[in-house]
C-alpha atoms as a PDB file:
ATOM      1  CA  MET A   1    -212.360-108.826-126.839  1.00  0.00           C
ATOM      2  CA  THR A   2    -210.018-106.345-125.163  1.00  0.00           C
ATOM      3  CA  PRO A   3    -208.934-107.624-121.733  1.00  0.00           C
ATOM      4  CA  PRO A   4    -209.838-105.443-118.767  1.00  0.00           C
ATOM      5  CA  PRO A   5    -207.118-103.122-117.478  1.00  0.00           C
ATOM      6  CA  PRO A   6    -205.255-104.218-114.370  1.00  0.00           C
ATOM      7  CA  ARG A   7    -206.566-103.277-110.962  1.00  0.00           C
ATOM      8  CA  THR A   8    -203.158-104.110-109.436  1.00  0.00           C
ATOM      9  CA  VAL A   9    -199.726-103.566-111.006  1.00  0.00           C
ATOM     10  CA  ILE A  10    -196.642-105.110-109.401  1.00  0.00           C
ATOM     11  CA  LEU A  11    -193.249-103.891-110.579  1.00  0.00           C
ATOM     12  CA  SER A  12    -190.842-106.816-110.386  1.00  0.00           C
ATOM     13  CA  PRO A  13    -187.230-105.824-111.117  1.00  0.00           C
ATOM     14  CA  HIS A  14    -186.336-109.327-112.337  1.00  0.00           C
ATOM     15  CA  PHE A  15    -188.387-112.277-113.487  1.00  0.00           C
ATOM     16  CA  ASP A  16    -188.525-113.990-110.101  1.00  0.00           C
ATOM     17  CA  ASP A  17    -188.891-111.065-107.684  1.00  0.00           C
ATOM     18  CA  ALA A  18    -192.696-110.900-107.578  1.00  0.00           C
ATOM     19  CA  ALA A  19    -193.015-114.630-106.873  1.00  0.00           C
ATOM     20  CA  LEU A  20    -190.257-114.636-104.249  1.00  0.00           C
ATOM     21  CA  SER A  21    -191.640-111.577-102.478  1.00  0.00           C
ATOM     22  CA  LEU A  22    -195.415-111.671-102.987  1.00  0.00           C
ATOM     23  CA  ALA A  23    -196.709-115.055-104.125  1.00  0.00           C
ATOM     24  CA  GLY A  24    -198.638-115.472-100.886  1.00  0.00           C
ATOM     25  CA  LEU A  25    -200.252-112.037-101.079  1.00  0.00           C
ATOM     26  CA  ILE A  26    -201.105-111.964-104.784  1.00  0.00           C
ATOM     27  CA  PRO A  27    -204.402-113.912-104.438  1.00  0.00           C
ATOM     28  CA  ARG A  28    -205.594-111.260-101.952  1.00  0.00           C
ATOM     29  CA  LEU A  29    -204.898-108.280-104.215  1.00  0.00           C
ATOM     30  CA  PRO A  30    -207.547-106.679-106.448  1.00  0.00           C
ATOM     31  CA  ALA A  31    -207.739-108.610-109.726  1.00  0.00           C
ATOM     32  CA  PRO A  32    -206.783-108.592-112.484  1.00  0.00           C
ATOM     33  CA  VAL A  33    -203.132-108.354-111.427  1.00  0.00           C
ATOM     34  CA  THR A  34    -200.308-107.594-113.858  1.00  0.00           C
ATOM     35  CA  VAL A  35    -196.683-108.310-112.963  1.00  0.00           C
ATOM     36  CA  VAL A  36    -194.320-106.031-114.880  1.00  0.00           C
ATOM     37  CA  THR A  37    -190.739-107.303-115.156  1.00  0.00           C
ATOM     38  CA  VAL A  38    -188.474-104.308-115.673  1.00  0.00           C
ATOM     39  CA  PHE A  39    -185.152-106.013-116.476  1.00  0.00           C
ATOM     40  CA  GLY A  40    -186.710-108.385-118.985  1.00  0.00           C
ATOM     41  CA  GLY A  41    -185.027-107.353-122.221  1.00  0.00           C
ATOM     42  CA  ALA A  42    -182.894-109.564-124.449  1.00  0.00           C
ATOM     43  CA  PRO A  43    -179.127-109.133-124.060  1.00  0.00           C
ATOM     44  CA  ALA A  44    -177.288-107.665-127.031  1.00  0.00           C
ATOM     45  CA  ALA A  45    -175.518-110.293-129.135  1.00  0.00           C
ATOM     46  CA  HIS A  46    -172.009-109.093-128.211  1.00  0.00           C
ATOM     47  CA  HIS A  47    -172.389-109.973-124.525  1.00  0.00           C
ATOM     48  CA  ALA A  48    -170.691-113.095-123.195  1.00  0.00           C
ATOM     49  CA  VAL A  49    -172.688-115.134-120.714  1.00  0.00           C
ATOM     50  CA  SER A  50    -172.574-113.580-117.242  1.00  0.00           C
ATOM     51  CA  TRP A  51    -171.144-115.297-114.186  1.00  0.00           C
ATOM     52  CA  TRP A  52    -174.656-115.618-112.752  1.00  0.00           C
ATOM     53  CA  ASP A  53    -176.139-117.169-115.875  1.00  0.00           C
ATOM     54  CA  SER A  54    -173.163-119.484-116.240  1.00  0.00           C
ATOM     55  CA  THR A  55    -173.697-120.635-112.654  1.00  0.00           C
ATOM     56  CA  CYS A  56    -177.343-121.256-113.541  1.00  0.00           C
ATOM     57  CA  GLY A  57    -176.142-123.665-116.244  1.00  0.00           C
ATOM     58  CA  PHE A  58    -176.457-121.564-119.387  1.00  0.00           C
ATOM     59  CA  SER A  59    -173.892-121.370-122.177  1.00  0.00           C
ATOM     60  CA  THR A  60    -175.046-118.087-123.696  1.00  0.00           C
ATOM     61  CA  ALA A  61    -176.864-114.977-122.587  1.00  0.00           C
ATOM     62  CA  ALA A  62    -179.570-115.561-125.211  1.00  0.00           C
ATOM     63  CA  GLU A  63    -180.227-119.072-123.904  1.00  0.00           C
ATOM     64  CA  ALA A  64    -180.644-117.730-120.380  1.00  0.00           C
ATOM     65  CA  HIS A  65    -183.092-115.063-121.551  1.00  0.00           C
ATOM     66  CA  ARG A  66    -185.246-117.544-123.473  1.00  0.00           C
ATOM     67  CA  ALA A  67    -185.393-119.859-120.471  1.00  0.00           C
ATOM     68  CA  ARG A  68    -186.309-117.045-118.090  1.00  0.00           C
ATOM     69  CA  LEU A  69    -189.176-115.935-120.315  1.00  0.00           C
ATOM     70  CA  ALA A  70    -190.552-119.480-120.347  1.00  0.00           C
ATOM     71  CA  GLU A  71    -190.158-119.821-116.571  1.00  0.00           C
ATOM     72  CA  ASP A  72    -191.977-116.557-116.030  1.00  0.00           C
ATOM     73  CA  ALA A  73    -194.851-117.618-118.266  1.00  0.00           C
ATOM     74  CA  ARG A  74    -195.337-120.813-116.227  1.00  0.00           C
ATOM     75  CA  ALA A  75    -195.265-118.904-112.941  1.00  0.00           C
ATOM     76  CA  ALA A  76    -197.804-116.370-114.226  1.00  0.00           C
ATOM     77  CA  VAL A  77    -200.262-119.167-114.960  1.00  0.00           C
ATOM     78  CA  LEU A  78    -199.838-120.628-111.471  1.00  0.00           C
ATOM     79  CA  LEU A  79    -200.189-117.206-109.834  1.00  0.00           C
ATOM     80  CA  GLY A  80    -203.176-116.243-111.972  1.00  0.00           C
ATOM     81  CA  VAL A  81    -201.594-112.983-113.137  1.00  0.00           C
ATOM     82  CA  ASP A  82    -201.040-111.232-116.435  1.00  0.00           C
ATOM     83  CA  ARG A  83    -197.501-110.294-117.328  1.00  0.00           C
ATOM     84  CA  ALA A  84    -195.709-107.473-119.072  1.00  0.00           C
ATOM     85  CA  VAL A  85    -191.995-107.580-119.887  1.00  0.00           C
ATOM     86  CA  LEU A  86    -190.056-104.361-120.420  1.00  0.00           C
ATOM     87  CA  ASP A  87    -187.063-104.315-122.728  1.00  0.00           C
ATOM     88  CA  HIS A  88    -184.284-103.300-120.316  1.00  0.00           C
ATOM     89  CA  PRO A  89    -181.615-106.035-120.235  1.00  0.00           C
ATOM     90  CA  ASP A  90    -180.600-107.426-116.856  1.00  0.00           C
ATOM     91  CA  GLY A  91    -177.671-105.874-114.979  1.00  0.00           C
ATOM     92  CA  PRO A  92    -174.677-107.718-116.487  1.00  0.00           C
ATOM     93  CA  TYR A  93    -176.004-107.024-119.996  1.00  0.00           C
ATOM     94  CA  GLY A  94    -177.238-103.479-119.458  1.00  0.00           C
ATOM     95  CA  GLU A  95    -175.827-100.501-121.297  1.00  0.00           C
ATOM     96  CA  GLY A  96    -176.431 -98.009-118.482  1.00  0.00           C
ATOM     97  CA  ASP A  97    -179.695 -96.841-120.011  1.00  0.00           C
ATOM     98  CA  GLU A  98    -182.394 -94.942-118.174  1.00  0.00           C
ATOM     99  CA  LEU A  99    -185.390 -97.065-117.217  1.00  0.00           C
ATOM    100  CA  THR A 100    -187.688 -95.281-119.644  1.00  0.00           C
ATOM    101  CA  GLY A 101    -189.774 -98.412-120.147  1.00  0.00           C
ATOM    102  CA  ILE A 102    -191.263 -97.734-116.712  1.00  0.00           C
ATOM    103  CA  ASP A 103    -192.321 -94.265-117.863  1.00  0.00           C
ATOM    104  CA  ALA A 104    -193.950 -95.598-121.021  1.00  0.00           C
ATOM    105  CA  TYR A 105    -195.781 -98.450-119.294  1.00  0.00           C
ATOM    106  CA  LEU A 106    -197.144 -96.424-116.382  1.00  0.00           C
ATOM    107  CA  SER A 107    -198.120 -93.466-118.559  1.00  0.00           C
ATOM    108  CA  ALA A 108    -200.114 -95.708-120.896  1.00  0.00           C
ATOM    109  CA  LEU A 109    -202.338 -97.190-118.167  1.00  0.00           C
ATOM    110  CA  PRO A 110    -205.956 -96.051-118.463  1.00  0.00           C
ATOM    111  CA  ALA A 111    -207.775 -94.251-115.669  1.00  0.00           C
ATOM    112  CA  PRO A 112    -208.571 -94.895-112.897  1.00  0.00           C
ATOM    113  CA  PHE A 113    -205.158 -95.666-111.453  1.00  0.00           C
ATOM    114  CA  PRO A 114    -204.635 -99.262-110.313  1.00  0.00           C
ATOM    115  CA  LEU A 115    -203.038-100.221-107.025  1.00  0.00           C
ATOM    116  CA  PHE A 116    -199.263-100.139-107.502  1.00  0.00           C
ATOM    117  CA  LEU A 117    -196.696-102.238-105.612  1.00  0.00           C
ATOM    118  CA  LEU A 118    -192.987-101.424-105.839  1.00  0.00           C
ATOM    119  CA  PRO A 119    -189.977-103.108-104.213  1.00  0.00           C
ATOM    120  CA  ILE A 120    -188.613-101.340-101.177  1.00  0.00           C
ATOM    121  CA  GLY A 121    -185.143-101.974-102.629  1.00  0.00           C
ATOM    122  CA  THR A 122    -183.480-104.033 -99.897  1.00  0.00           C
ATOM    123  CA  ASN A 123    -179.695-103.787-100.497  1.00  0.00           C
ATOM    124  CA  GLN A 124    -180.237-104.299-104.253  1.00  0.00           C
ATOM    125  CA  PRO A 125    -179.215-101.359-106.458  1.00  0.00           C
ATOM    126  CA  ASP A 126    -181.296-102.596-109.421  1.00  0.00           C
ATOM    127  CA  HIS A 127    -184.367-102.776-107.196  1.00  0.00           C
ATOM    128  CA  GLN A 128    -183.707 -99.280-105.866  1.00  0.00           C
ATOM    129  CA  ARG A 129    -183.451 -97.930-109.420  1.00  0.00           C
ATOM    130  CA  VAL A 130    -186.847 -99.406-110.229  1.00  0.00           C
ATOM    131  CA  ARG A 131    -188.377 -98.033-107.034  1.00  0.00           C
ATOM    132  CA  ASP A 132    -187.030 -94.517-107.453  1.00  0.00           C
ATOM    133  CA  ARG A 133    -187.886 -94.260-111.144  1.00  0.00           C
ATOM    134  CA  ALA A 134    -191.435 -95.488-110.571  1.00  0.00           C
ATOM    135  CA  LEU A 135    -191.952 -93.133-107.618  1.00  0.00           C
ATOM    136  CA  ARG A 136    -190.930 -90.165-109.768  1.00  0.00           C
ATOM    137  CA  VAL A 137    -193.121 -91.208-112.689  1.00  0.00           C
ATOM    138  CA  LEU A 138    -196.169 -91.880-110.522  1.00  0.00           C
ATOM    139  CA  ALA A 139    -195.760 -88.543-108.767  1.00  0.00           C
ATOM    140  CA  GLY A 140    -195.636 -86.813-112.145  1.00  0.00           C
ATOM    141  CA  LEU A 141    -198.831 -88.584-113.191  1.00  0.00           C
ATOM    142  CA  GLY A 142    -200.598 -87.513-110.024  1.00  0.00           C
ATOM    143  CA  ALA A 143    -201.115 -91.111-108.911  1.00  0.00           C
ATOM    144  CA  PRO A 144    -201.583 -92.057-105.259  1.00  0.00           C
ATOM    145  CA  LEU A 145    -198.481 -93.293-103.472  1.00  0.00           C
ATOM    146  CA  PRO A 146    -197.833 -96.967-104.214  1.00  0.00           C
ATOM    147  CA  LEU A 147    -197.424 -99.747-101.706  1.00  0.00           C
ATOM    148  CA  LEU A 148    -193.850-100.924-101.057  1.00  0.00           C
ATOM    149  CA  TYR A 149    -192.991-104.587-100.605  1.00  0.00           C
ATOM    150  CA  ALA A 150    -190.070-106.235 -98.837  1.00  0.00           C
ATOM    151  CA  ASP A 151    -187.625-107.760-101.310  1.00  0.00           C
ATOM    152  CA  LEU A 152    -187.145-111.470-100.646  1.00  0.00           C
ATOM    153  CA  PRO A 153    -185.084-113.424 -99.884  1.00  0.00           C
ATOM    154  CA  TYR A 154    -182.939-110.473 -98.793  1.00  0.00           C
ATOM    155  CA  THR A 155    -185.140-108.934 -96.100  1.00  0.00           C
ATOM    156  CA  GLY A 156    -186.002-112.428 -94.909  1.00  0.00           C
ATOM    157  CA  HIS A 157    -182.539-112.901 -93.415  1.00  0.00           C
ATOM    158  CA  LEU A 158    -183.317-110.630 -90.488  1.00  0.00           C
ATOM    159  CA  PRO A 159    -183.574-112.759 -87.314  1.00  0.00           C
ATOM    160  CA  GLU A 160    -186.744-110.799 -86.519  1.00  0.00           C
ATOM    161  CA  TRP A 161    -188.304-111.423 -89.940  1.00  0.00           C
ATOM    162  CA  GLY A 162    -191.975-112.400 -89.686  1.00  0.00           C
ATOM    163  CA  THR A 163    -192.329-111.111 -86.120  1.00  0.00           C
ATOM    164  CA  ALA A 164    -193.688-107.953 -84.535  1.00  0.00           C
ATOM    165  CA  GLU A 165    -190.078-106.712 -84.294  1.00  0.00           C
ATOM    166  CA  THR A 166    -189.486-106.626 -88.061  1.00  0.00           C
ATOM    167  CA  ASP A 167    -189.766-102.874 -88.565  1.00  0.00           C
ATOM    168  CA  ARG A 168    -187.714-102.061 -85.486  1.00  0.00           C
ATOM    169  CA  ALA A 169    -184.989-104.396 -86.758  1.00  0.00           C
ATOM    170  CA  LEU A 170    -185.051-102.860 -90.234  1.00  0.00           C
ATOM    171  CA  GLY A 171    -184.689 -99.435 -88.658  1.00  0.00           C
ATOM    172  CA  GLY A 172    -181.300-100.393 -87.237  1.00  0.00           C
ATOM    173  CA  ASP A 173    -179.895-103.055 -89.548  1.00  0.00           C
ATOM    174  CA  PRO A 174    -176.771-101.986 -91.502  1.00  0.00           C
ATOM    175  CA  THR A 175    -177.195-104.575 -94.254  1.00  0.00           C
ATOM    176  CA  TYR A 176    -180.865-105.224 -94.953  1.00  0.00           C
ATOM    177  CA  GLY A 177    -182.362-102.045 -93.493  1.00  0.00           C
ATOM    178  CA  LEU A 178    -180.683 -99.258 -95.453  1.00  0.00           C
ATOM    179  CA  SER A 179    -183.453 -98.833 -98.039  1.00  0.00           C
ATOM    180  CA  TYR A 180    -186.081 -98.873 -95.310  1.00  0.00           C
ATOM    181  CA  GLN A 181    -184.107 -96.274 -93.350  1.00  0.00           C
ATOM    182  CA  ASP A 182    -183.704 -94.103 -96.457  1.00  0.00           C
ATOM    183  CA  LEU A 183    -187.443 -94.156 -97.116  1.00  0.00           C
ATOM    184  CA  LEU A 184    -188.136 -93.203 -93.498  1.00  0.00           C
ATOM    185  CA  THR A 185    -186.450 -89.866 -94.159  1.00  0.00           C
ATOM    186  CA  ARG A 186    -189.318 -89.044 -96.552  1.00  0.00           C
ATOM    187  CA  TYR A 187    -192.262 -91.179 -95.461  1.00  0.00           C
ATOM    188  CA  ASP A 188    -193.952 -92.783 -92.523  1.00  0.00           C
ATOM    189  CA  LEU A 189    -194.237 -96.485 -93.404  1.00  0.00           C
ATOM    190  CA  ASP A 190    -197.445 -98.048 -92.150  1.00  0.00           C
ATOM    191  CA  VAL A 191    -197.761-101.820 -92.434  1.00  0.00           C
ATOM    192  CA  ALA A 192    -200.429-102.614 -95.031  1.00  0.00           C
ATOM    193  CA  HIS A 193    -199.938-106.398 -95.239  1.00  0.00           C
ATOM    194  CA  ASP A 194    -198.119-108.655 -92.796  1.00  0.00           C
ATOM    195  CA  LEU A 195    -198.314-112.296 -93.822  1.00  0.00           C
ATOM    196  CA  VAL A 196    -196.797-115.357 -92.211  1.00  0.00           C
ATOM    197  CA  LEU A 197    -197.825-118.041 -94.660  1.00  0.00           C
ATOM    198  CA  ASP A 198    -199.816-121.053 -93.506  1.00  0.00           C
ATOM    199  CA  ASP A 199    -199.040-124.469 -94.962  1.00  0.00           C
ATOM    200  CA  ASP A 200    -201.458-124.155 -97.897  1.00  0.00           C
ATOM    201  CA  ALA A 201    -200.236-120.696 -98.883  1.00  0.00           C
ATOM    202  CA  TRP A 202    -196.635-121.831 -98.484  1.00  0.00           C
ATOM    203  CA  ALA A 203    -197.222-124.833-100.775  1.00  0.00           C
ATOM    204  CA  ARG A 204    -198.653-122.550-103.479  1.00  0.00           C
ATOM    205  CA  LYS A 205    -195.766-120.120-103.123  1.00  0.00           C
ATOM    206  CA  ARG A 206    -193.176-122.889-103.267  1.00  0.00           C
ATOM    207  CA  GLU A 207    -194.724-124.192-106.471  1.00  0.00           C
ATOM    208  CA  ALA A 208    -194.550-120.734-108.056  1.00  0.00           C
ATOM    209  CA  VAL A 209    -190.948-120.191-106.944  1.00  0.00           C
ATOM    210  CA  LEU A 210    -189.955-123.571-108.360  1.00  0.00           C
ATOM    211  CA  CYS A 211    -191.017-122.322-111.799  1.00  0.00           C
ATOM    212  CA  TYR A 212    -187.828-120.259-111.719  1.00  0.00           C
ATOM    213  CA  GLY A 213    -185.696-123.370-111.400  1.00  0.00           C
ATOM    214  CA  SER A 214    -182.758-121.978-113.353  1.00  0.00           C
ATOM    215  CA  GLN A 215    -182.174-119.399-110.606  1.00  0.00           C
ATOM    216  CA  LEU A 216    -182.319-121.672-107.602  1.00  0.00           C
ATOM    217  CA  ALA A 217    -178.758-123.024-107.573  1.00  0.00           C
ATOM    218  CA  PRO A 218    -177.010-119.638-107.186  1.00  0.00           C
ATOM    219  CA  LEU A 219    -179.807-118.308-104.979  1.00  0.00           C
ATOM    220  CA  ALA A 220    -179.363-121.246-102.624  1.00  0.00           C
ATOM    221  CA  ALA A 221    -175.598-120.707-102.636  1.00  0.00           C
ATOM    222  CA  ASP A 222    -176.148-117.113-101.512  1.00  0.00           C
ATOM    223  CA  HIS A 223    -179.162-117.637 -99.262  1.00  0.00           C
ATOM    224  CA  GLY A 224    -178.828-121.103 -97.782  1.00  0.00           C
ATOM    225  CA  SER A 225    -182.136-122.822 -96.996  1.00  0.00           C
ATOM    226  CA  LEU A 226    -184.085-120.794 -99.525  1.00  0.00           C
ATOM    227  CA  LEU A 227    -187.018-123.204 -99.758  1.00  0.00           C
ATOM    228  CA  ALA A 228    -187.064-124.316 -96.151  1.00  0.00           C
ATOM    229  CA  ARG A 229    -190.513-124.071 -94.616  1.00  0.00           C
ATOM    230  CA  ARG A 230    -189.133-121.667 -91.988  1.00  0.00           C
ATOM    231  CA  GLY A 231    -186.712-119.982 -94.358  1.00  0.00           C
ATOM    232  CA  PRO A 232    -186.595-116.384 -95.641  1.00  0.00           C
ATOM    233  CA  LEU A 233    -189.650-116.741 -97.917  1.00  0.00           C
ATOM    234  CA  ARG A 234    -192.059-117.786 -95.135  1.00  0.00           C
ATOM    235  CA  ALA A 235    -193.364-114.263 -94.489  1.00  0.00           C
ATOM    236  CA  GLU A 236    -194.257-111.303 -96.693  1.00  0.00           C
ATOM    237  CA  ARG A 237    -194.519-107.640 -95.738  1.00  0.00           C
ATOM    238  CA  VAL A 238    -195.922-104.596 -97.526  1.00  0.00           C
ATOM    239  CA  TRP A 239    -195.933-100.981 -96.372  1.00  0.00           C
ATOM    240  CA  SER A 240    -198.138 -98.028 -97.205  1.00  0.00           C
ATOM    241  CA  PRO A 241    -196.024 -94.850 -97.313  1.00  0.00           C
ATOM    242  CA  VAL A 242    -197.374 -91.556 -96.013  1.00  0.00           C
ATOM    243  CA  ARG A 243    -195.422 -88.521 -97.131  1.00  0.00           C
ATOM    244  CA  ARG A 244    -193.842 -86.505 -94.334  1.00  0.00           C
ATOM    245  CA  PRO A 245    -193.991 -82.703 -94.443  1.00  0.00           C
ATOM    246  CA  GLN A 246    -190.707 -81.432 -95.852  1.00  0.00           C
ATOM    247  CA  PRO A 247    -188.859 -78.367 -94.617  1.00  0.00           C
ATOM    248  CA  ALA A 248    -189.321 -75.278 -96.766  1.00  0.00           C
ATOM    249  CA  GLY A 249    -187.021 -75.445 -99.783  1.00  0.00           C
ATOM    250  CA  ALA A 250    -186.315 -79.185 -99.433  1.00  0.00           C
ATOM    251  CA  VAL A 251    -185.978 -81.225-102.635  1.00  0.00           C
ATOM    252  CA  THR A 252    -188.037 -84.467-102.592  1.00  0.00           C
END
């Protein structure tokens, strides 16, 4: 039997981004949900292990990729989502290719369009590449504007994170707000989902994040109390963009 098409598609730049950013919200989204990992391809054999993967404990790039695939499969079961993995290698192993896998995946989805969620791109160039490519492809397909989610743990370092002051803080922050500020030049960003996780939702999210155990050592080195109950993952935020009228002759 052919499985039903997704009603929600989440573009996750890397294997852990959807769980880190949206594990609390995913049960509330229209099902079935498919998480699409963009930078999920196998590294070419000539690449030495990256600094990041070495810090995660791996000896080779291929070993890291195999482990990440297995971690992602376990998380998908816990989250109750389907998964699709595109063949673009992760940053240190990339060859500077265009993210054409996004084009192929989105163009192949049957009508009607599902609900799409893209990363807002918080101070992460790879995330911004995914966002911008997907926005262009969806516009070309005539799809409605997608929702945009806050990339965690990055956005979660704002002191105002998870409060009514979040958007105001993003509008002025020189580190974690630049993507938000860039999008505001083209869209009004209305809050579609604003979650501060209760204890039960937090426990489920923590369990999903722990599936990506190979990543946690360097993430904790960069982000401190990553899994603290009041840490950067405690809240999730999603915006609905509304296109602003552009001046005559402007390129969007």
